[in-house]
C-alpha atoms as a PDB file:
ATOM      1  CA  MET A   1       4.992  21.216 -38.805  1.00  0.00           C
ATOM      2  CA  GLN A   2       3.158  17.912 -38.652  1.00  0.00           C
ATOM      3  CA  VAL A   3       1.783  16.220 -35.543  1.00  0.00           C
ATOM      4  CA  THR A   4       1.802  12.420 -35.473  1.00  0.00           C
ATOM      5  CA  TYR A   5      -1.310  10.596 -34.284  1.00  0.00           C
ATOM      6  CA  SER A   6      -0.459   7.021 -33.351  1.00  0.00           C
ATOM      7  CA  ASP A   7      -4.029   5.787 -33.801  1.00  0.00           C
ATOM      8  CA  LEU A   8      -3.933   6.693 -37.500  1.00  0.00           C
ATOM      9  CA  LYS A   9      -1.363   3.957 -38.106  1.00  0.00           C
ATOM     10  CA  ASN A  10      -3.074   1.215 -40.155  1.00  0.00           C
ATOM     11  CA  LYS A  11      -6.386   3.123 -40.061  1.00  0.00           C
ATOM     12  CA  ILE A  12      -8.216   2.680 -43.360  1.00  0.00           C
ATOM     13  CA  VAL A  13      -9.172   6.107 -44.689  1.00  0.00           C
ATOM     14  CA  LEU A  14     -10.864   6.917 -47.994  1.00  0.00           C
ATOM     15  CA  VAL A  15     -10.159  10.352 -49.470  1.00  0.00           C
ATOM     16  CA  THR A  16     -12.028  11.502 -52.572  1.00  0.00           C
ATOM     17  CA  GLY A  17     -10.506  13.969 -55.009  1.00  0.00           C
ATOM     18  CA  ALA A  18      -7.013  13.005 -53.848  1.00  0.00           C
ATOM     19  CA  THR A  19      -4.993  13.271 -57.038  1.00  0.00           C
ATOM     20  CA  ARG A  20      -4.329  17.033 -56.786  1.00  0.00           C
ATOM     21  CA  GLY A  21      -4.493  20.111 -54.602  1.00  0.00           C
ATOM     22  CA  ILE A  22      -5.697  19.869 -51.009  1.00  0.00           C
ATOM     23  CA  GLY A  23      -6.784  16.254 -51.446  1.00  0.00           C
ATOM     24  CA  LYS A  24      -3.307  15.170 -52.457  1.00  0.00           C
ATOM     25  CA  GLU A  25      -1.769  16.887 -49.453  1.00  0.00           C
ATOM     26  CA  ILE A  26      -4.284  15.123 -47.192  1.00  0.00           C
ATOM     27  CA  VAL A  27      -3.389  11.654 -48.495  1.00  0.00           C
ATOM     28  CA  LYS A  28       0.327  12.432 -48.246  1.00  0.00           C
ATOM     29  CA  ASN A  29      -0.156  13.470 -44.626  1.00  0.00           C
ATOM     30  CA  LEU A  30      -2.092  10.282 -43.897  1.00  0.00           C
ATOM     31  CA  ALA A  31       0.552   8.169 -45.629  1.00  0.00           C
ATOM     32  CA  SER A  32       3.256   9.647 -43.409  1.00  0.00           C
ATOM     33  CA  GLN A  33       1.048   8.721 -40.418  1.00  0.00           C
ATOM     34  CA  GLY A  34       1.196   5.080 -41.543  1.00  0.00           C
ATOM     35  CA  ALA A  35      -2.460   4.866 -42.529  1.00  0.00           C
ATOM     36  CA  HIS A  36      -3.904   2.594 -45.190  1.00  0.00           C
ATOM     37  CA  VAL A  37      -4.828   5.309 -47.683  1.00  0.00           C
ATOM     38  CA  VAL A  38      -7.670   4.655 -50.113  1.00  0.00           C
ATOM     39  CA  PHE A  39      -8.453   7.100 -52.890  1.00  0.00           C
ATOM     40  CA  ASN A  40     -10.745   7.196 -55.898  1.00  0.00           C
ATOM     41  CA  TYR A  41      -9.875   7.907 -59.491  1.00  0.00           C
ATOM     42  CA  ARG A  42     -11.933   8.191 -62.639  1.00  0.00           C
ATOM     43  CA  GLU A  43     -11.901   5.791 -65.559  1.00  0.00           C
ATOM     44  CA  GLY A  44      -8.919   6.422 -67.813  1.00  0.00           C
ATOM     45  CA  LYS A  45      -6.766   7.795 -64.985  1.00  0.00           C
ATOM     46  CA  GLU A  46      -5.133   4.483 -64.085  1.00  0.00           C
ATOM     47  CA  ALA A  47      -1.611   5.784 -64.696  1.00  0.00           C
ATOM     48  CA  VAL A  48      -2.204   8.765 -62.397  1.00  0.00           C
ATOM     49  CA  ALA A  49      -3.557   6.432 -59.711  1.00  0.00           C
ATOM     50  CA  GLU A  50      -0.549   4.138 -59.964  1.00  0.00           C
ATOM     51  CA  GLU A  51       1.867   7.040 -59.588  1.00  0.00           C
ATOM     52  CA  LEU A  52      -0.005   8.314 -56.547  1.00  0.00           C
ATOM     53  CA  LYS A  53       0.046   4.846 -54.999  1.00  0.00           C
ATOM     54  CA  LYS A  54       3.828   4.651 -55.403  1.00  0.00           C
ATOM     55  CA  GLU A  55       4.247   8.097 -53.878  1.00  0.00           C
ATOM     56  CA  LEU A  56       2.107   7.248 -50.856  1.00  0.00           C
ATOM     57  CA  MET A  57       3.888   3.972 -50.215  1.00  0.00           C
ATOM     58  CA  ALA A  58       7.232   5.772 -50.352  1.00  0.00           C
ATOM     59  CA  LEU A  59       5.964   8.194 -47.698  1.00  0.00           C
ATOM     60  CA  GLY A  60       5.236   5.341 -45.304  1.00  0.00           C
ATOM     61  CA  ALA A  61       1.631   4.338 -45.926  1.00  0.00           C
ATOM     62  CA  ALA A  62       0.690   0.957 -44.456  1.00  0.00           C
ATOM     63  CA  ASN A  63      -0.967   0.401 -47.820  1.00  0.00           C
ATOM     64  CA  ALA A  64      -2.349   2.522 -50.661  1.00  0.00           C
ATOM     65  CA  THR A  65      -5.337   1.476 -52.751  1.00  0.00           C
ATOM     66  CA  GLY A  66      -6.939   3.232 -55.684  1.00  0.00           C
ATOM     67  CA  LEU A  67     -10.627   2.623 -56.375  1.00  0.00           C
ATOM     68  CA  MET A  68     -12.116   3.445 -59.750  1.00  0.00           C
ATOM     69  CA  PHE A  69     -15.338   5.393 -59.300  1.00  0.00           C
ATOM     70  CA  ASP A  70     -16.903   8.750 -60.064  1.00  0.00           C
ATOM     71  CA  VAL A  71     -18.381  10.304 -56.905  1.00  0.00           C
ATOM     72  CA  SER A  72     -21.585  11.148 -58.762  1.00  0.00           C
ATOM     73  CA  ASN A  73     -22.139   7.510 -59.810  1.00  0.00           C
ATOM     74  CA  GLY A  74     -23.763   5.566 -56.993  1.00  0.00           C
ATOM     75  CA  GLU A  75     -23.430   2.184 -58.679  1.00  0.00           C
ATOM     76  CA  GLN A  76     -19.688   2.623 -59.288  1.00  0.00           C
ATOM     77  CA  ILE A  77     -19.173   3.740 -55.683  1.00  0.00           C
ATOM     78  CA  LYS A  78     -21.020   0.778 -54.183  1.00  0.00           C
ATOM     79  CA  THR A  79     -19.290  -1.769 -56.420  1.00  0.00           C
ATOM     80  CA  ALA A  80     -15.805  -0.424 -55.648  1.00  0.00           C
ATOM     81  CA  ILE A  81     -16.350  -0.112 -51.891  1.00  0.00           C
ATOM     82  CA  ASP A  82     -18.010  -3.524 -51.527  1.00  0.00           C
ATOM     83  CA  SER A  83     -15.122  -5.164 -53.376  1.00  0.00           C
ATOM     84  CA  PHE A  84     -12.539  -3.345 -51.268  1.00  0.00           C
ATOM     85  CA  SER A  85     -14.264  -4.150 -47.968  1.00  0.00           C
ATOM     86  CA  LYS A  86     -14.349  -7.870 -48.764  1.00  0.00           C
ATOM     87  CA  ASP A  87     -10.566  -7.852 -49.107  1.00  0.00           C
ATOM     88  CA  PHE A  88      -9.536  -5.377 -46.396  1.00  0.00           C
ATOM     89  CA  GLY A  89     -12.454  -4.929 -44.003  1.00  0.00           C
ATOM     90  CA  PRO A  90     -14.493  -1.818 -43.238  1.00  0.00           C
ATOM     91  CA  ILE A  91     -13.237   1.686 -43.889  1.00  0.00           C
ATOM     92  CA  SER A  92     -13.130   3.741 -40.674  1.00  0.00           C
ATOM     93  CA  GLY A  93     -12.253   7.184 -42.005  1.00  0.00           C
ATOM     94  CA  LEU A  94     -13.723   9.250 -44.823  1.00  0.00           C
ATOM     95  CA  VAL A  95     -12.665  12.603 -46.251  1.00  0.00           C
ATOM     96  CA  ASN A  96     -15.204  13.955 -48.723  1.00  0.00           C
ATOM     97  CA  ASN A  97     -12.887  16.288 -50.597  1.00  0.00           C
ATOM     98  CA  ALA A  98     -13.893  15.919 -54.261  1.00  0.00           C
ATOM     99  CA  GLY A  99     -15.159  19.208 -55.616  1.00  0.00           C
ATOM    100  CA  ILE A 100     -15.357  21.427 -58.664  1.00  0.00           C
ATOM    101  CA  SER A 101     -16.162  25.063 -59.334  1.00  0.00           C
ATOM    102  CA  LYS A 102     -17.276  26.858 -62.472  1.00  0.00           C
ATOM    103  CA  ASP A 103     -17.208  30.528 -61.560  1.00  0.00           C
ATOM    104  CA  THR A 104     -19.553  32.746 -63.503  1.00  0.00           C
ATOM    105  CA  LEU A 105     -22.335  35.281 -62.980  1.00  0.00           C
ATOM    106  CA  ILE A 106     -25.754  33.714 -62.378  1.00  0.00           C
ATOM    107  CA  LEU A 107     -27.017  35.287 -65.626  1.00  0.00           C
ATOM    108  CA  ARG A 108     -24.538  33.110 -67.526  1.00  0.00           C
ATOM    109  CA  LEU A 109     -24.743  29.985 -65.383  1.00  0.00           C
ATOM    110  CA  LYS A 110     -25.795  26.956 -67.410  1.00  0.00           C
ATOM    111  CA  GLU A 111     -28.193  24.381 -66.015  1.00  0.00           C
ATOM    112  CA  SER A 112     -25.693  21.647 -66.899  1.00  0.00           C
ATOM    113  CA  ASP A 113     -23.020  23.453 -64.837  1.00  0.00           C
ATOM    114  CA  ILE A 114     -25.338  23.708 -61.826  1.00  0.00           C
ATOM    115  CA  GLN A 115     -26.057  19.988 -62.066  1.00  0.00           C
ATOM    116  CA  GLU A 116     -22.395  19.021 -62.361  1.00  0.00           C
ATOM    117  CA  ILE A 117     -21.345  21.177 -59.404  1.00  0.00           C
ATOM    118  CA  LEU A 118     -24.117  19.860 -57.144  1.00  0.00           C
ATOM    119  CA  ASP A 119     -23.549  16.265 -58.267  1.00  0.00           C
ATOM    120  CA  THR A 120     -19.831  16.389 -57.491  1.00  0.00           C
ATOM    121  CA  ASN A 121     -19.700  18.598 -54.420  1.00  0.00           C
ATOM    122  CA  LEU A 122     -22.846  17.600 -52.540  1.00  0.00           C
ATOM    123  CA  LYS A 123     -24.571  14.564 -53.998  1.00  0.00           C
ATOM    124  CA  GLY A 124     -21.190  12.816 -54.313  1.00  0.00           C
ATOM    125  CA  ALA A 125     -20.394  13.286 -50.613  1.00  0.00           C
ATOM    126  CA  ILE A 126     -23.779  11.901 -49.618  1.00  0.00           C
ATOM    127  CA  LEU A 127     -23.495   8.902 -51.957  1.00  0.00           C
ATOM    128  CA  VAL A 128     -20.015   7.949 -50.704  1.00  0.00           C
ATOM    129  CA  ALA A 129     -21.057   8.264 -47.052  1.00  0.00           C
ATOM    130  CA  GLN A 130     -24.180   6.224 -47.744  1.00  0.00           C
ATOM    131  CA  ALA A 131     -22.181   3.451 -49.402  1.00  0.00           C
ATOM    132  CA  LEU A 132     -19.865   3.319 -46.385  1.00  0.00           C
ATOM    133  CA  SER A 133     -22.534   3.662 -43.682  1.00  0.00           C
ATOM    134  CA  ARG A 134     -23.196  -0.046 -43.118  1.00  0.00           C
ATOM    135  CA  GLY A 135     -19.472  -0.725 -42.813  1.00  0.00           C
ATOM    136  CA  PHE A 136     -19.145   2.193 -40.402  1.00  0.00           C
ATOM    137  CA  LEU A 137     -21.408   0.335 -37.976  1.00  0.00           C
ATOM    138  CA  ARG A 138     -18.887  -2.534 -37.866  1.00  0.00           C
ATOM    139  CA  ALA A 139     -15.784  -0.351 -37.657  1.00  0.00           C
ATOM    140  CA  GLU A 140     -14.196   1.358 -34.659  1.00  0.00           C
ATOM    141  CA  ASN A 141     -13.434   5.039 -34.104  1.00  0.00           C
ATOM    142  CA  VAL A 142     -15.109   6.156 -37.316  1.00  0.00           C
ATOM    143  CA  SER A 143     -14.629   9.768 -38.367  1.00  0.00           C
ATOM    144  CA  ILE A 144     -15.964  11.627 -41.391  1.00  0.00           C
ATOM    145  CA  VAL A 145     -14.495  14.945 -42.526  1.00  0.00           C
ATOM    146  CA  ASN A 146     -16.369  16.932 -45.149  1.00  0.00           C
ATOM    147  CA  VAL A 147     -14.319  19.566 -46.957  1.00  0.00           C
ATOM    148  CA  SER A 148     -16.629  22.536 -47.406  1.00  0.00           C
ATOM    149  CA  SER A 149     -15.431  26.124 -47.927  1.00  0.00           C
ATOM    150  CA  VAL A 150     -15.611  29.501 -46.256  1.00  0.00           C
ATOM    151  CA  VAL A 151     -17.628  30.435 -49.355  1.00  0.00           C
ATOM    152  CA  GLY A 152     -20.319  28.063 -48.080  1.00  0.00           C
ATOM    153  CA  LEU A 153     -20.604  30.272 -45.000  1.00  0.00           C
ATOM    154  CA  MET A 154     -20.293  33.769 -46.465  1.00  0.00           C
ATOM    155  CA  GLY A 155     -21.200  33.392 -50.153  1.00  0.00           C
ATOM    156  CA  ASN A 156     -19.261  34.890 -53.031  1.00  0.00           C
ATOM    157  CA  ALA A 157     -20.158  36.674 -56.242  1.00  0.00           C
ATOM    158  CA  SER A 158     -19.910  34.485 -59.350  1.00  0.00           C
ATOM    159  CA  GLN A 159     -19.988  31.314 -57.222  1.00  0.00           C
ATOM    160  CA  VAL A 160     -23.723  30.845 -56.656  1.00  0.00           C
ATOM    161  CA  ALA A 161     -23.843  27.100 -57.397  1.00  0.00           C
ATOM    162  CA  TYR A 162     -20.489  26.383 -55.731  1.00  0.00           C
ATOM    163  CA  ALA A 163     -21.458  28.262 -52.561  1.00  0.00           C
ATOM    164  CA  ALA A 164     -24.821  26.488 -52.464  1.00  0.00           C
ATOM    165  CA  SER A 165     -23.148  23.087 -52.773  1.00  0.00           C
ATOM    166  CA  LYS A 166     -20.641  23.874 -50.017  1.00  0.00           C
ATOM    167  CA  ALA A 167     -23.377  25.260 -47.743  1.00  0.00           C
ATOM    168  CA  GLY A 168     -25.328  22.058 -48.339  1.00  0.00           C
ATOM    169  CA  LEU A 169     -22.366  20.069 -47.022  1.00  0.00           C
ATOM    170  CA  LEU A 170     -22.738  21.832 -43.679  1.00  0.00           C
ATOM    171  CA  GLY A 171     -26.343  20.677 -43.241  1.00  0.00           C
ATOM    172  CA  PHE A 172     -25.314  17.188 -44.328  1.00  0.00           C
ATOM    173  CA  THR A 173     -22.496  17.215 -41.756  1.00  0.00           C
ATOM    174  CA  LYS A 174     -24.731  18.147 -38.837  1.00  0.00           C
ATOM    175  CA  SER A 175     -27.412  15.641 -39.831  1.00  0.00           C
ATOM    176  CA  MET A 176     -24.880  12.807 -40.166  1.00  0.00           C
ATOM    177  CA  ALA A 177     -23.378  13.732 -36.802  1.00  0.00           C
ATOM    178  CA  LYS A 178     -26.780  13.464 -35.114  1.00  0.00           C
ATOM    179  CA  GLU A 179     -27.854  10.330 -36.964  1.00  0.00           C
ATOM    180  CA  LEU A 180     -24.737   8.253 -36.274  1.00  0.00           C
ATOM    181  CA  ALA A 181     -23.473   9.604 -32.935  1.00  0.00           C
ATOM    182  CA  SER A 182     -25.049   6.745 -30.976  1.00  0.00           C
ATOM    183  CA  LYS A 183     -22.914   4.358 -33.040  1.00  0.00           C
ATOM    184  CA  ASN A 184     -19.747   6.329 -32.151  1.00  0.00           C
ATOM    185  CA  VAL A 185     -19.439   7.690 -35.685  1.00  0.00           C
ATOM    186  CA  ARG A 186     -18.311  11.313 -35.788  1.00  0.00           C
ATOM    187  CA  CYS A 187     -18.823  13.797 -38.609  1.00  0.00           C
ATOM    188  CA  ASN A 188     -17.280  17.259 -38.916  1.00  0.00           C
ATOM    189  CA  ALA A 189     -16.734  19.797 -41.666  1.00  0.00           C
ATOM    190  CA  ILE A 190     -13.827  22.100 -42.392  1.00  0.00           C
ATOM    191  CA  CYS A 191     -14.116  25.372 -44.269  1.00  0.00           C
ATOM    192  CA  PRO A 192     -10.835  26.368 -45.935  1.00  0.00           C
ATOM    193  CA  GLY A 193     -10.402  29.956 -47.043  1.00  0.00           C
ATOM    194  CA  PHE A 194      -7.877  30.935 -49.704  1.00  0.00           C
ATOM    195  CA  ILE A 195      -5.384  28.071 -49.821  1.00  0.00           C
ATOM    196  CA  ALA A 196      -2.232  28.181 -51.949  1.00  0.00           C
ATOM    197  CA  THR A 197      -2.713  25.667 -54.777  1.00  0.00           C
ATOM    198  CA  ASP A 198      -2.093  25.529 -58.514  1.00  0.00           C
ATOM    199  CA  MET A 199      -5.352  27.435 -58.926  1.00  0.00           C
ATOM    200  CA  THR A 200      -4.325  30.356 -56.703  1.00  0.00           C
ATOM    201  CA  ASP A 201      -0.815  30.375 -58.200  1.00  0.00           C
ATOM    202  CA  ALA A 202      -2.378  31.132 -61.587  1.00  0.00           C
ATOM    203  CA  LEU A 203      -4.203  34.227 -60.320  1.00  0.00           C
ATOM    204  CA  ASP A 204      -3.148  37.665 -61.497  1.00  0.00           C
ATOM    205  CA  GLU A 205      -0.949  39.449 -58.925  1.00  0.00           C
ATOM    206  CA  LYS A 206      -3.462  42.278 -58.549  1.00  0.00           C
ATOM    207  CA  VAL A 207      -6.225  39.776 -57.837  1.00  0.00           C
ATOM    208  CA  LYS A 208      -4.020  38.100 -55.218  1.00  0.00           C
ATOM    209  CA  GLU A 209      -3.440  41.468 -53.544  1.00  0.00           C
ATOM    210  CA  VAL A 210      -7.187  42.059 -53.279  1.00  0.00           C
ATOM    211  CA  TYR A 211      -7.716  38.636 -51.708  1.00  0.00           C
ATOM    212  CA  LEU A 212      -4.810  39.072 -49.292  1.00  0.00           C
ATOM    213  CA  SER A 213      -6.128  42.457 -48.155  1.00  0.00           C
ATOM    214  CA  GLN A 214      -9.210  40.658 -46.798  1.00  0.00           C
ATOM    215  CA  ILE A 215      -7.237  38.121 -44.730  1.00  0.00           C
ATOM    216  CA  PRO A 216      -6.117  39.316 -41.262  1.00  0.00           C
ATOM    217  CA  LEU A 217      -3.110  36.966 -41.256  1.00  0.00           C
ATOM    218  CA  THR A 218      -2.113  38.530 -44.622  1.00  0.00           C
ATOM    219  CA  ARG A 219      -1.216  35.283 -46.348  1.00  0.00           C
ATOM    220  CA  PHE A 220      -2.824  32.355 -48.110  1.00  0.00           C
ATOM    221  CA  GLY A 221      -3.057  29.129 -46.150  1.00  0.00           C
ATOM    222  CA  SER A 222      -1.116  26.050 -47.169  1.00  0.00           C
ATOM    223  CA  ALA A 223      -2.598  22.726 -48.201  1.00  0.00           C
ATOM    224  CA  ASN A 224      -0.449  21.123 -45.515  1.00  0.00           C
ATOM    225  CA  GLU A 225      -2.223  23.199 -42.848  1.00  0.00           C
ATOM    226  CA  VAL A 226      -5.562  21.882 -44.094  1.00  0.00           C
ATOM    227  CA  ALA A 227      -4.153  18.341 -44.091  1.00  0.00           C
ATOM    228  CA  ASN A 228      -3.005  18.735 -40.480  1.00  0.00           C
ATOM    229  CA  LEU A 229      -6.492  19.763 -39.390  1.00  0.00           C
ATOM    230  CA  THR A 230      -8.002  16.857 -41.309  1.00  0.00           C
ATOM    231  CA  SER A 231      -5.694  14.308 -39.670  1.00  0.00           C
ATOM    232  CA  PHE A 232      -6.564  15.734 -36.248  1.00  0.00           C
ATOM    233  CA  LEU A 233     -10.286  15.283 -36.925  1.00  0.00           C
ATOM    234  CA  LEU A 234      -9.748  11.735 -38.207  1.00  0.00           C
ATOM    235  CA  SER A 235      -7.766  10.810 -35.105  1.00  0.00           C
ATOM    236  CA  GLN A 236      -8.924  10.061 -31.579  1.00  0.00           C
ATOM    237  CA  ALA A 237      -7.314  13.314 -30.457  1.00  0.00           C
ATOM    238  CA  SER A 238     -10.667  14.823 -31.502  1.00  0.00           C
ATOM    239  CA  ALA A 239     -12.805  12.004 -30.047  1.00  0.00           C
ATOM    240  CA  TYR A 240     -15.303  14.384 -28.386  1.00  0.00           C
ATOM    241  CA  ILE A 241     -15.799  16.617 -31.428  1.00  0.00           C
ATOM    242  CA  THR A 242     -18.710  15.996 -33.786  1.00  0.00           C
ATOM    243  CA  GLY A 243     -21.096  18.125 -35.807  1.00  0.00           C
ATOM    244  CA  GLU A 244     -18.639  21.020 -35.853  1.00  0.00           C
ATOM    245  CA  ILE A 245     -17.916  23.454 -38.659  1.00  0.00           C
ATOM    246  CA  ILE A 246     -14.267  24.511 -38.369  1.00  0.00           C
ATOM    247  CA  LYS A 247     -12.934  27.434 -40.390  1.00  0.00           C
ATOM    248  CA  ILE A 248      -9.306  27.449 -41.538  1.00  0.00           C
ATOM    249  CA  ASP A 249      -9.163  30.803 -43.272  1.00  0.00           C
ATOM    250  CA  GLY A 250      -6.579  33.074 -41.645  1.00  0.00           C
ATOM    251  CA  GLY A 251      -9.344  35.084 -40.026  1.00  0.00           C
ATOM    252  CA  LEU A 252     -11.226  35.899 -43.243  1.00  0.00           C
ATOM    253  CA  TYR A 253     -14.633  35.194 -41.667  1.00  0.00           C
ATOM    254  CA  ILE A 254     -14.048  37.043 -38.380  1.00  0.00           C
END
């Protein structure tokens, strides 16, 4: 089921990491709301970006724009956003969804892996928000949604760097909420649990059974359920919510 939020129509929303998984479901949801969906893609992925743009327009997006930048590259981010804003005006919604994980025991964790995970998951979110912050002050009804993880709250073996990066997003969320509240800019974080994606589909059946045994609702969540929560937080239906950490995990963290 999908709820329609009329104020999302024509709202300009940037979603990072939108070409697959949860991010793709979020931009599809926003497109069906009639938003102007903006998404980033990395150099060499132009064909993927063009296909996504066509898909979003077919779903009803007011417009769909791909911006070429890596979330860990501040110069690329600033150049792309400045160029976009000159043509379309300020962005009023941001979903920091880009993220990676390289699961391994800490004894085997490479320094380069730690750096890449932190750069993408945490530094990237801060850089994108920073690049947009001046425009946020000129926009109306601004909402930021940071996609963290239940792992950022509870930790998980073999995910030391990933959990640290996702926990860092929670501190970033609360600080942004306090810093920009007087300008009517809201910032919240969501913490998905085990969500059915290509990654979970590839898990061994026995591994899935172990995970499911820990979830009171006895099922994985869907990416569409995460997208619904994200659209709610971007809309004015959540106008008095900021600085919150909202779990969507089927009861895993009870």
